């Protein structure tokens, strides 16, 4: 079988040849004449007035900024519009959530008011069946609003018997609260 390994000198010759070709290609490019720079087809006319005669021409940066100002403004307005629309969507979602919570809260308040009315009715029935001294002891320890509410719903005869059994200071306080409740303007007197 013949040996197909290239000789080392052959590899060196190939590398040297490729380097020479690259150098020759760069030299050929360097020797080509450069293209003539194109001038503006129509030179810009600049009016000189006494005010602008000594003024400097704007720089490239200033011209660039001036040229893109309109598109930058439009882009900023588009971004702000997008941002406002996304915020509006979030606000609408929050409003919907709050409306659901408000509806739930109103249902809860209705249930609570119904329950309190039922409980209050039961409490009034219980207090009306108690002995006056026991009812007086119970109402003496409750807050003014509850005691006043119960006394107002009792029959006047039962309420007077209970007030008669109470401490005079507490009875006067509850009586004053009942008068204020039934006559909030305070026009009526005792």
N, C-alpha and C. Protein backbone atom coordinates (compact mmCIF):
# COMPACT_ATOMS: atom_id res chain seq x y z
N UNK A 1 0.81 -1.18 0.00
CA UNK A 1 0.00 0.00 0.00
C UNK A 1 0.86 1.24 0.00
N UNK A 2 0.49 2.19 -0.85
CA UNK A 2 1.29 3.41 -0.90
C UNK A 2 1.00 4.29 0.30
N UNK A 3 1.95 5.05 0.68
CA UNK A 3 1.84 5.98 1.82
C UNK A 3 1.28 7.29 1.30
N UNK A 4 0.12 7.72 1.81
CA UNK A 4 -0.53 8.93 1.34
C UNK A 4 -0.27 10.14 2.21
N UNK A 5 0.68 10.09 3.05
CA UNK A 5 0.99 11.26 3.88
C UNK A 5 1.70 12.28 3.04
N UNK A 6 1.23 13.51 3.00
CA UNK A 6 1.93 14.52 2.22
C UNK A 6 3.24 14.86 2.89
N UNK A 7 4.15 15.22 2.07
CA UNK A 7 5.45 15.59 2.61
C UNK A 7 5.32 16.88 3.37
N UNK A 8 6.15 17.03 4.39
CA UNK A 8 6.09 18.25 5.20
C UNK A 8 6.45 19.46 4.37
N UNK A 9 7.30 19.31 3.45
CA UNK A 9 7.67 20.46 2.64
C UNK A 9 6.50 20.88 1.76
N UNK A 10 5.64 19.96 1.35
CA UNK A 10 4.46 20.28 0.54
C UNK A 10 3.47 21.14 1.33
N UNK A 11 3.32 20.84 2.61
CA UNK A 11 2.41 21.61 3.48
C UNK A 11 2.95 23.01 3.63
N UNK A 12 4.26 23.11 3.79
CA UNK A 12 4.86 24.43 3.96
C UNK A 12 4.67 25.27 2.71
N UNK A 13 4.80 24.65 1.55
CA UNK A 13 4.65 25.36 0.29
C UNK A 13 3.22 25.86 0.15
N UNK A 14 2.26 25.06 0.51
CA UNK A 14 0.86 25.46 0.41
C UNK A 14 0.55 26.62 1.34
N UNK A 15 1.05 26.58 2.57
CA UNK A 15 0.82 27.68 3.51
C UNK A 15 1.47 28.96 3.02
N UNK A 16 2.67 28.86 2.51
CA UNK A 16 3.37 30.05 2.02
C UNK A 16 2.63 30.63 0.84
N UNK A 17 2.10 29.78 -0.02
CA UNK A 17 1.36 30.26 -1.19
C UNK A 17 0.09 30.99 -0.79
N UNK A 18 -0.63 30.46 0.18
CA UNK A 18 -1.88 31.10 0.60
C UNK A 18 -1.61 32.43 1.26
N UNK A 19 -0.51 32.54 2.01
CA UNK A 19 -0.14 33.83 2.64
C UNK A 19 0.18 34.83 1.58
N UNK A 20 0.93 34.42 0.54
CA UNK A 20 1.28 35.33 -0.55
C UNK A 20 0.04 35.82 -1.29
N UNK A 21 -0.92 34.94 -1.49
CA UNK A 21 -2.15 35.33 -2.17
C UNK A 21 -2.93 36.35 -1.36
N UNK A 22 -2.95 36.18 -0.07
CA UNK A 22 -3.67 37.14 0.79
C UNK A 22 -2.99 38.49 0.75
N UNK A 23 -1.69 38.51 0.81
CA UNK A 23 -0.94 39.77 0.78
C UNK A 23 -1.12 40.45 -0.56
N UNK A 24 -1.07 39.67 -1.62
CA UNK A 24 -1.23 40.24 -2.96
C UNK A 24 -2.63 40.81 -3.12
N UNK A 25 -3.63 40.16 -2.58
CA UNK A 25 -5.01 40.66 -2.67
C UNK A 25 -5.17 41.98 -1.94
N UNK A 26 -4.53 42.11 -0.79
CA UNK A 26 -4.63 43.38 -0.05
C UNK A 26 -3.90 44.48 -0.79
N UNK A 27 -2.78 44.15 -1.39
CA UNK A 27 -2.03 45.15 -2.14
C UNK A 27 -2.81 45.62 -3.35
N UNK A 28 -3.51 44.69 -4.01
CA UNK A 28 -4.29 45.05 -5.19
C UNK A 28 -5.43 45.97 -4.80
N UNK A 29 -6.01 45.72 -3.65
CA UNK A 29 -7.09 46.59 -3.19
C UNK A 29 -6.55 47.96 -2.85
N UNK A 30 -5.35 48.01 -2.30
CA UNK A 30 -4.78 49.29 -1.90
C UNK A 30 -4.42 50.12 -3.12
N UNK A 31 -4.05 49.47 -4.24
CA UNK A 31 -3.65 50.20 -5.42
C UNK A 31 -4.82 50.72 -6.22
N UNK A 32 -6.03 50.19 -5.99
CA UNK A 32 -7.19 50.65 -6.75
C UNK A 32 -7.50 52.09 -6.36
N UNK A 33 -7.90 52.87 -7.33
CA UNK A 33 -8.22 54.27 -7.00
C UNK A 33 -9.49 54.34 -6.16
N UNK A 34 -9.46 55.24 -5.25
CA UNK A 34 -10.64 55.41 -4.38
C UNK A 34 -11.73 56.13 -5.14
N UNK A 35 -12.95 55.81 -4.76
CA UNK A 35 -14.09 56.45 -5.41
C UNK A 35 -14.17 57.90 -4.95
N UNK A 36 -14.56 58.73 -5.86
CA UNK A 36 -14.67 60.15 -5.56
C UNK A 36 -15.87 60.35 -4.63
N UNK A 37 -15.69 61.09 -3.54
CA UNK A 37 -16.84 61.31 -2.65
C UNK A 37 -17.90 62.10 -3.38
N UNK A 38 -19.12 61.66 -3.15
CA UNK A 38 -20.23 62.33 -3.82
C UNK A 38 -20.61 63.58 -3.04
N UNK A 39 -20.85 64.60 -3.77
CA UNK A 39 -21.27 65.84 -3.11
C UNK A 39 -22.78 65.90 -3.14
N UNK A 40 -23.33 66.77 -2.32
CA UNK A 40 -24.77 66.93 -2.26
C UNK A 40 -25.27 67.38 -3.62
N UNK A 41 -26.39 66.85 -4.09
CA UNK A 41 -26.88 67.23 -5.40
C UNK A 41 -27.25 68.71 -5.47
N UNK A 42 -27.80 69.22 -4.38
CA UNK A 42 -28.16 70.64 -4.37
C UNK A 42 -27.61 71.24 -3.09
N UNK A 43 -26.69 72.15 -3.20
CA UNK A 43 -26.14 72.73 -1.98
C UNK A 43 -27.24 73.54 -1.27
N UNK A 44 -27.16 73.50 0.05
CA UNK A 44 -28.14 74.22 0.85
C UNK A 44 -27.82 75.70 0.83
N UNK A 45 -28.84 76.45 0.66
CA UNK A 45 -28.67 77.89 0.67
C UNK A 45 -28.87 78.39 2.09
N UNK A 46 -27.96 79.11 2.57
CA UNK A 46 -28.06 79.66 3.91
C UNK A 46 -28.13 81.17 3.79
N UNK A 47 -29.17 81.71 4.32
CA UNK A 47 -29.31 83.15 4.29
C UNK A 47 -28.51 83.75 5.42
N UNK A 48 -27.82 84.71 5.13
CA UNK A 48 -27.08 85.39 6.18
C UNK A 48 -27.74 86.73 6.43
N UNK A 49 -28.03 86.92 7.65
CA UNK A 49 -28.61 88.19 8.09
C UNK A 49 -27.65 88.79 9.08
N UNK A 50 -27.84 90.00 9.41
CA UNK A 50 -26.92 90.59 10.40
C UNK A 50 -26.90 89.81 11.70
N UNK A 51 -28.03 89.18 12.06
CA UNK A 51 -28.07 88.43 13.33
C UNK A 51 -27.31 87.11 13.22
N UNK A 52 -27.38 86.46 12.03
CA UNK A 52 -26.76 85.13 11.89
C UNK A 52 -25.40 85.17 11.23
N UNK A 53 -24.92 86.32 10.86
CA UNK A 53 -23.66 86.41 10.14
C UNK A 53 -22.50 85.89 11.00
N UNK A 54 -22.50 86.23 12.26
CA UNK A 54 -21.40 85.77 13.12
C UNK A 54 -21.74 84.49 13.85
N UNK A 55 -22.94 83.93 13.65
CA UNK A 55 -23.35 82.74 14.40
C UNK A 55 -22.70 81.50 13.79
N UNK A 56 -22.45 80.54 14.66
CA UNK A 56 -21.86 79.28 14.21
C UNK A 56 -22.94 78.38 13.65
N UNK A 57 -22.57 77.54 12.71
CA UNK A 57 -23.49 76.58 12.14
C UNK A 57 -23.75 75.48 13.18
N UNK A 58 -24.97 74.91 13.20
CA UNK A 58 -25.24 73.86 14.19
C UNK A 58 -24.39 72.62 13.92
N UNK A 59 -24.06 71.93 15.00
CA UNK A 59 -23.24 70.73 14.87
C UNK A 59 -24.09 69.56 14.37
N UNK A 60 -23.41 68.49 14.04
CA UNK A 60 -24.11 67.30 13.56
C UNK A 60 -25.05 66.75 14.63
N UNK A 61 -24.62 66.81 15.88
CA UNK A 61 -25.44 66.31 16.99
C UNK A 61 -26.71 67.14 17.11
N UNK A 62 -26.57 68.45 17.01
CA UNK A 62 -27.75 69.31 17.10
C UNK A 62 -28.70 69.06 15.94
N UNK A 63 -28.14 68.90 14.74
CA UNK A 63 -28.98 68.61 13.58
C UNK A 63 -29.69 67.27 13.74
N UNK A 64 -28.99 66.25 14.24
CA UNK A 64 -29.59 64.94 14.45
C UNK A 64 -30.75 65.04 15.44
N UNK A 65 -30.50 65.73 16.55
CA UNK A 65 -31.54 65.88 17.57
C UNK A 65 -32.75 66.62 17.01
N UNK A 66 -32.47 67.64 16.20
CA UNK A 66 -33.56 68.41 15.61
C UNK A 66 -34.35 67.55 14.63
N UNK A 67 -33.65 66.71 13.87
CA UNK A 67 -34.31 65.88 12.88
C UNK A 67 -35.15 64.77 13.49
N UNK A 68 -34.75 64.22 14.62
CA UNK A 68 -35.52 63.12 15.21
C UNK A 68 -36.48 63.59 16.30
N UNK A 69 -36.55 64.87 16.56
CA UNK A 69 -37.39 65.38 17.65
C UNK A 69 -38.85 64.99 17.44
N UNK A 70 -39.36 65.12 16.24
CA UNK A 70 -40.76 64.81 15.96
C UNK A 70 -41.06 63.33 16.18
N UNK A 71 -40.19 62.46 15.64
CA UNK A 71 -40.44 61.02 15.81
C UNK A 71 -40.25 60.60 17.26
N UNK A 72 -39.32 61.23 17.96
CA UNK A 72 -39.14 60.92 19.39
C UNK A 72 -40.38 61.34 20.17
N UNK A 73 -40.94 62.48 19.84
CA UNK A 73 -42.15 62.97 20.50
C UNK A 73 -43.31 61.99 20.25
N UNK A 74 -43.45 61.54 19.01
CA UNK A 74 -44.51 60.59 18.68
C UNK A 74 -44.31 59.27 19.42
N UNK A 75 -43.07 58.82 19.51
CA UNK A 75 -42.79 57.57 20.22
C UNK A 75 -43.10 57.72 21.70
N UNK A 76 -42.75 58.87 22.28
CA UNK A 76 -43.03 59.10 23.69
C UNK A 76 -44.54 59.14 23.94
N UNK A 77 -45.28 59.79 23.06
CA UNK A 77 -46.74 59.85 23.21
C UNK A 77 -47.35 58.46 23.07
N UNK A 78 -46.85 57.67 22.12
CA UNK A 78 -47.35 56.30 21.95
C UNK A 78 -47.08 55.47 23.21
N UNK A 79 -45.89 55.60 23.77
CA UNK A 79 -45.55 54.86 24.99
C UNK A 79 -46.43 55.30 26.15
N UNK A 80 -46.62 56.61 26.29
CA UNK A 80 -47.46 57.12 27.38
C UNK A 80 -48.91 56.66 27.21
N UNK A 81 -49.39 56.64 25.97
CA UNK A 81 -50.75 56.16 25.71
C UNK A 81 -50.88 54.70 26.09
N UNK A 82 -49.91 53.90 25.71
CA UNK A 82 -49.92 52.48 26.07
C UNK A 82 -49.91 52.31 27.58
N UNK A 83 -49.07 53.10 28.25
CA UNK A 83 -48.98 53.00 29.71
C UNK A 83 -50.30 53.39 30.37
N UNK A 84 -50.93 54.45 29.87
CA UNK A 84 -52.22 54.87 30.42
C UNK A 84 -53.30 53.82 30.19
N UNK A 85 -53.29 53.19 29.03
CA UNK A 85 -54.28 52.14 28.76
C UNK A 85 -54.08 50.94 29.68
N UNK A 86 -52.83 50.59 29.93
CA UNK A 86 -52.58 49.45 30.84
C UNK A 86 -52.99 49.82 32.26
N UNK A 87 -52.74 51.06 32.67
CA UNK A 87 -53.17 51.49 34.00
C UNK A 87 -54.69 51.53 34.10
N UNK A 88 -55.34 51.96 33.03
CA UNK A 88 -56.80 52.00 33.03
C UNK A 88 -57.37 50.59 33.18
N UNK A 89 -56.75 49.62 32.54
CA UNK A 89 -57.19 48.24 32.66
C UNK A 89 -57.05 47.76 34.10
N UNK A 90 -55.93 48.11 34.74
CA UNK A 90 -55.72 47.71 36.13
C UNK A 90 -56.74 48.38 37.05
N UNK A 91 -57.01 49.65 36.80
CA UNK A 91 -57.99 50.37 37.63
C UNK A 91 -59.37 49.75 37.47
N UNK A 92 -59.74 49.42 36.23
CA UNK A 92 -61.05 48.80 36.00
C UNK A 92 -61.15 47.45 36.72
N UNK A 93 -60.07 46.70 36.74
CA UNK A 93 -60.06 45.42 37.45
C UNK A 93 -60.24 45.64 38.95
N UNK A 94 -59.56 46.66 39.49
CA UNK A 94 -59.70 46.96 40.91
C UNK A 94 -61.10 47.45 41.25
N UNK A 95 -61.69 48.26 40.37
CA UNK A 95 -63.05 48.75 40.59
C UNK A 95 -64.03 47.57 40.60
N UNK A 96 -63.85 46.65 39.66
CA UNK A 96 -64.72 45.47 39.63
C UNK A 96 -64.58 44.65 40.91
N UNK A 97 -63.35 44.49 41.38
CA UNK A 97 -63.11 43.77 42.63
C UNK A 97 -63.78 44.48 43.80
N UNK A 98 -63.64 45.79 43.86
CA UNK A 98 -64.27 46.56 44.94
C UNK A 98 -65.79 46.48 44.87
N UNK A 99 -66.34 46.48 43.68
CA UNK A 99 -67.80 46.36 43.53
C UNK A 99 -68.28 45.01 44.04
N UNK A 100 -67.52 43.95 43.74
CA UNK A 100 -67.89 42.62 44.26
C UNK A 100 -67.82 42.60 45.78
N UNK A 101 -66.76 43.20 46.32
CA UNK A 101 -66.61 43.24 47.78
C UNK A 101 -67.73 44.06 48.41
N UNK A 102 -68.11 45.19 47.75
CA UNK A 102 -69.19 46.02 48.28
C UNK A 102 -70.49 45.25 48.29
N UNK A 103 -70.77 44.50 47.22
CA UNK A 103 -71.99 43.70 47.16
C UNK A 103 -72.00 42.64 48.27
N UNK A 104 -70.84 41.99 48.47
CA UNK A 104 -70.73 41.00 49.55
C UNK A 104 -70.96 41.66 50.91
N UNK A 105 -70.39 42.83 51.09
CA UNK A 105 -70.53 43.54 52.36
C UNK A 105 -71.99 43.93 52.60
N UNK A 106 -72.68 44.41 51.55
CA UNK A 106 -74.08 44.77 51.70
C UNK A 106 -74.92 43.56 52.07
N UNK A 107 -74.64 42.41 51.46
CA UNK A 107 -75.36 41.19 51.81
C UNK A 107 -75.11 40.82 53.27
N UNK A 108 -73.84 40.97 53.70
CA UNK A 108 -73.51 40.65 55.07
C UNK A 108 -74.23 41.60 56.03
N UNK A 109 -74.29 42.88 55.70
CA UNK A 109 -74.97 43.86 56.56
C UNK A 109 -76.46 43.54 56.64
N UNK A 110 -77.06 43.16 55.51
CA UNK A 110 -78.47 42.78 55.53
C UNK A 110 -78.73 41.59 56.43
N UNK A 111 -77.88 40.56 56.28
CA UNK A 111 -78.03 39.37 57.13
C UNK A 111 -77.86 39.73 58.60
N UNK A 112 -76.88 40.58 58.89
CA UNK A 112 -76.62 40.98 60.27
C UNK A 112 -77.80 41.77 60.83
N UNK A 113 -78.33 42.70 60.03
CA UNK A 113 -79.47 43.50 60.50
C UNK A 113 -80.68 42.61 60.76
N UNK A 114 -80.91 41.63 59.87
CA UNK A 114 -82.03 40.71 60.06
C UNK A 114 -81.83 39.88 61.33
N UNK A 115 -80.60 39.39 61.51
CA UNK A 115 -80.30 38.59 62.69
C UNK A 115 -80.46 39.42 63.96
N UNK A 116 -79.94 40.65 63.94
CA UNK A 116 -80.07 41.52 65.12
C UNK A 116 -81.53 41.83 65.43
N UNK A 117 -82.32 42.04 64.39
CA UNK A 117 -83.74 42.31 64.61
C UNK A 117 -84.41 41.10 65.27
N UNK A 118 -84.06 39.91 64.78
CA UNK A 118 -84.63 38.70 65.38
C UNK A 118 -84.15 38.53 66.81
N UNK A 119 -82.85 38.73 67.03
CA UNK A 119 -82.29 38.59 68.38
C UNK A 119 -82.89 39.64 69.31
N UNK A 120 -83.01 40.86 68.81
CA UNK A 120 -83.57 41.93 69.63
C UNK A 120 -85.01 41.60 70.01
N UNK A 121 -85.74 41.07 69.05
CA UNK A 121 -87.13 40.67 69.34
C UNK A 121 -87.17 39.60 70.41
N UNK A 122 -86.24 38.64 70.35
CA UNK A 122 -86.19 37.59 71.36
C UNK A 122 -85.79 38.16 72.72
N UNK A 123 -84.84 39.07 72.71
CA UNK A 123 -84.38 39.67 73.97
C UNK A 123 -85.53 40.46 74.61
N UNK A 124 -86.27 41.20 73.81
CA UNK A 124 -87.39 41.97 74.33
C UNK A 124 -88.43 41.03 74.93
N UNK A 125 -88.70 39.91 74.24
CA UNK A 125 -89.66 38.93 74.78
C UNK A 125 -89.17 38.34 76.10
N UNK A 126 -87.86 38.05 76.16
CA UNK A 126 -87.30 37.47 77.38
C UNK A 126 -87.38 38.47 78.53
N UNK A 127 -86.97 39.71 78.26
CA UNK A 127 -86.97 40.73 79.32
C UNK A 127 -88.39 41.03 79.77
N UNK A 128 -89.34 41.03 78.84
CA UNK A 128 -90.73 41.33 79.23
C UNK A 128 -91.32 40.24 80.11
N UNK A 129 -90.79 39.02 80.06
CA UNK A 129 -91.32 37.92 80.88
C UNK A 129 -90.57 37.78 82.21
N UNK A 130 -89.49 38.52 82.35
CA UNK A 130 -88.71 38.43 83.60
C UNK A 130 -89.41 39.23 84.71
N UNK A 131 -89.03 38.91 85.94
CA UNK A 131 -89.49 39.74 87.06
C UNK A 131 -88.84 41.09 86.91
N UNK A 132 -89.48 42.18 87.32
CA UNK A 132 -88.92 43.52 87.15
C UNK A 132 -87.56 43.70 87.82
N UNK A 133 -87.33 43.12 89.00
CA UNK A 133 -86.03 43.29 89.67
C UNK A 133 -84.91 42.55 88.92
N UNK A 134 -85.19 41.36 88.37
CA UNK A 134 -84.18 40.61 87.61
C UNK A 134 -83.88 41.33 86.28
N UNK A 135 -84.94 41.84 85.63
CA UNK A 135 -84.75 42.57 84.37
C UNK A 135 -83.95 43.84 84.62
N UNK A 136 -84.22 44.52 85.75
CA UNK A 136 -83.49 45.75 86.09
C UNK A 136 -82.01 45.44 86.29
N UNK A 137 -81.70 44.32 86.95
CA UNK A 137 -80.31 43.94 87.19
C UNK A 137 -79.62 43.65 85.85
N UNK A 138 -80.30 42.99 84.94
CA UNK A 138 -79.72 42.68 83.63
C UNK A 138 -79.48 43.94 82.81
N UNK A 139 -80.46 44.84 82.75
CA UNK A 139 -80.33 46.04 81.94
C UNK A 139 -79.36 47.05 82.55
N UNK A 140 -79.13 46.96 83.85
CA UNK A 140 -78.17 47.87 84.50
C UNK A 140 -76.74 47.59 84.03
N UNK A 141 -76.47 46.33 83.66
CA UNK A 141 -75.10 45.97 83.27
C UNK A 141 -74.85 46.10 81.78
N UNK A 142 -75.88 46.32 80.97
CA UNK A 142 -75.69 46.44 79.53
C UNK A 142 -75.38 47.88 79.16
N UNK A 143 -74.91 48.07 77.93
CA UNK A 143 -74.59 49.43 77.47
C UNK A 143 -75.88 50.22 77.27
N UNK A 144 -75.73 51.54 77.21
CA UNK A 144 -76.89 52.44 77.13
C UNK A 144 -77.74 52.19 75.89
N UNK A 145 -77.13 51.99 74.75
CA UNK A 145 -77.89 51.80 73.51
C UNK A 145 -78.75 50.54 73.56
N UNK A 146 -78.19 49.46 74.05
CA UNK A 146 -78.94 48.20 74.12
C UNK A 146 -80.09 48.33 75.12
N UNK A 147 -79.78 48.84 76.30
CA UNK A 147 -80.81 48.99 77.34
C UNK A 147 -81.92 49.92 76.86
N UNK A 148 -81.55 51.02 76.20
CA UNK A 148 -82.56 51.96 75.69
C UNK A 148 -83.41 51.30 74.62
N UNK A 149 -82.79 50.55 73.72
CA UNK A 149 -83.53 49.85 72.67
C UNK A 149 -84.52 48.86 73.23
N UNK A 150 -84.10 48.11 74.23
CA UNK A 150 -85.01 47.12 74.84
C UNK A 150 -86.15 47.83 75.55
N UNK A 151 -85.86 48.87 76.32
CA UNK A 151 -86.91 49.58 77.07
C UNK A 151 -87.91 50.25 76.15
N UNK A 152 -87.46 50.75 75.01
CA UNK A 152 -88.37 51.38 74.06
C UNK A 152 -89.31 50.37 73.42
N UNK A 153 -88.88 49.12 73.28
CA UNK A 153 -89.72 48.11 72.65
C UNK A 153 -90.65 47.41 73.64
N UNK A 154 -90.41 47.59 74.91
CA UNK A 154 -91.29 46.99 75.92
C UNK A 154 -92.56 47.82 76.05
N UNK A 155 -93.58 47.18 76.57
CA UNK A 155 -94.81 47.93 76.87
C UNK A 155 -94.47 48.95 77.95
N UNK A 156 -95.08 50.12 77.91
CA UNK A 156 -94.75 51.17 78.88
C UNK A 156 -94.89 50.72 80.34
N UNK A 157 -95.88 49.93 80.65
CA UNK A 157 -96.08 49.48 82.05
C UNK A 157 -94.92 48.60 82.51
N UNK A 158 -94.46 47.66 81.62
CA UNK A 158 -93.35 46.76 81.95
C UNK A 158 -92.06 47.57 82.07
N UNK A 159 -91.85 48.52 81.16
CA UNK A 159 -90.64 49.34 81.20
C UNK A 159 -90.60 50.18 82.48
N UNK A 160 -91.73 50.71 82.91
CA UNK A 160 -91.74 51.54 84.13
C UNK A 160 -91.45 50.69 85.36
N UNK A 161 -91.95 49.45 85.40
CA UNK A 161 -91.67 48.57 86.54
C UNK A 161 -90.17 48.25 86.62
N UNK A 162 -89.55 48.03 85.45
CA UNK A 162 -88.10 47.73 85.41
C UNK A 162 -87.31 48.95 85.86
N UNK A 163 -87.67 50.14 85.35
CA UNK A 163 -86.96 51.36 85.73
C UNK A 163 -87.13 51.65 87.22
N UNK A 164 -88.28 51.27 87.77
CA UNK A 164 -88.54 51.49 89.19
C UNK A 164 -87.60 50.65 90.06
N UNK A 165 -87.19 49.48 89.57
CA UNK A 165 -86.32 48.58 90.33
C UNK A 165 -84.83 48.93 90.16
N UNK A 166 -84.50 49.79 89.22
CA UNK A 166 -83.09 50.15 88.97
C UNK A 166 -82.60 51.20 89.95
N UNK A 167 -81.26 51.33 89.96
CA UNK A 167 -80.62 52.42 90.70
C UNK A 167 -81.15 53.73 90.11
N UNK A 168 -81.51 54.72 90.92
CA UNK A 168 -82.11 55.95 90.40
C UNK A 168 -81.22 56.68 89.39
N UNK A 169 -79.92 56.67 89.58
CA UNK A 169 -79.02 57.36 88.64
C UNK A 169 -79.04 56.67 87.28
N UNK A 170 -78.97 55.35 87.30
CA UNK A 170 -78.99 54.59 86.04
C UNK A 170 -80.36 54.72 85.37
N UNK A 171 -81.42 54.69 86.14
CA UNK A 171 -82.77 54.83 85.58
C UNK A 171 -82.93 56.21 84.93
N UNK A 172 -82.40 57.24 85.58
CA UNK A 172 -82.49 58.59 85.01
C UNK A 172 -81.69 58.68 83.72
N UNK A 173 -80.52 58.05 83.72
CA UNK A 173 -79.67 58.06 82.52
C UNK A 173 -80.38 57.37 81.35
N UNK A 174 -81.00 56.21 81.59
CA UNK A 174 -81.70 55.49 80.53
C UNK A 174 -82.95 56.24 80.09
N UNK A 175 -83.65 56.88 81.03
CA UNK A 175 -84.83 57.65 80.68
C UNK A 175 -84.44 58.82 79.79
N UNK A 176 -83.35 59.50 80.14
CA UNK A 176 -82.87 60.61 79.31
C UNK A 176 -82.49 60.12 77.92
N UNK A 177 -81.88 58.95 77.83
CA UNK A 177 -81.51 58.38 76.54
C UNK A 177 -82.75 58.04 75.72
N UNK A 178 -83.80 57.52 76.39
CA UNK A 178 -85.05 57.20 75.69
C UNK A 178 -85.72 58.47 75.18
N UNK A 179 -85.68 59.55 75.95
CA UNK A 179 -86.26 60.81 75.53
C UNK A 179 -85.47 61.37 74.34
N UNK A 180 -84.16 61.32 74.41
CA UNK A 180 -83.33 61.79 73.29
C UNK A 180 -83.52 60.96 72.05
N UNK A 181 -83.80 59.68 72.20
CA UNK A 181 -84.01 58.79 71.05
C UNK A 181 -85.35 59.08 70.40
N UNK A 182 -86.36 59.26 71.22
CA UNK A 182 -87.69 59.48 70.66
C UNK A 182 -87.89 60.92 70.18
N UNK A 183 -87.07 61.88 70.75
CA UNK A 183 -87.14 63.29 70.36
C UNK A 183 -85.72 63.78 70.15
N UNK A 184 -85.09 63.46 69.00
CA UNK A 184 -83.68 63.76 68.80
C UNK A 184 -83.37 65.26 68.84
N UNK A 185 -84.33 66.12 68.52
CA UNK A 185 -84.06 67.56 68.53
C UNK A 185 -84.09 68.11 69.95
N UNK A 186 -84.58 67.32 70.88
CA UNK A 186 -84.62 67.75 72.28
C UNK A 186 -85.70 68.77 72.54
N UNK A 187 -86.75 68.81 71.71
CA UNK A 187 -87.81 69.79 71.86
C UNK A 187 -88.75 69.44 73.00
N UNK A 188 -88.95 68.13 73.17
CA UNK A 188 -89.85 67.71 74.25
C UNK A 188 -89.09 67.67 75.56
N UNK A 189 -89.75 67.85 76.63
CA UNK A 189 -89.07 67.79 77.92
C UNK A 189 -89.87 67.00 78.90
N UNK A 190 -89.26 66.76 80.04
CA UNK A 190 -89.94 66.00 81.08
C UNK A 190 -90.28 66.90 82.21
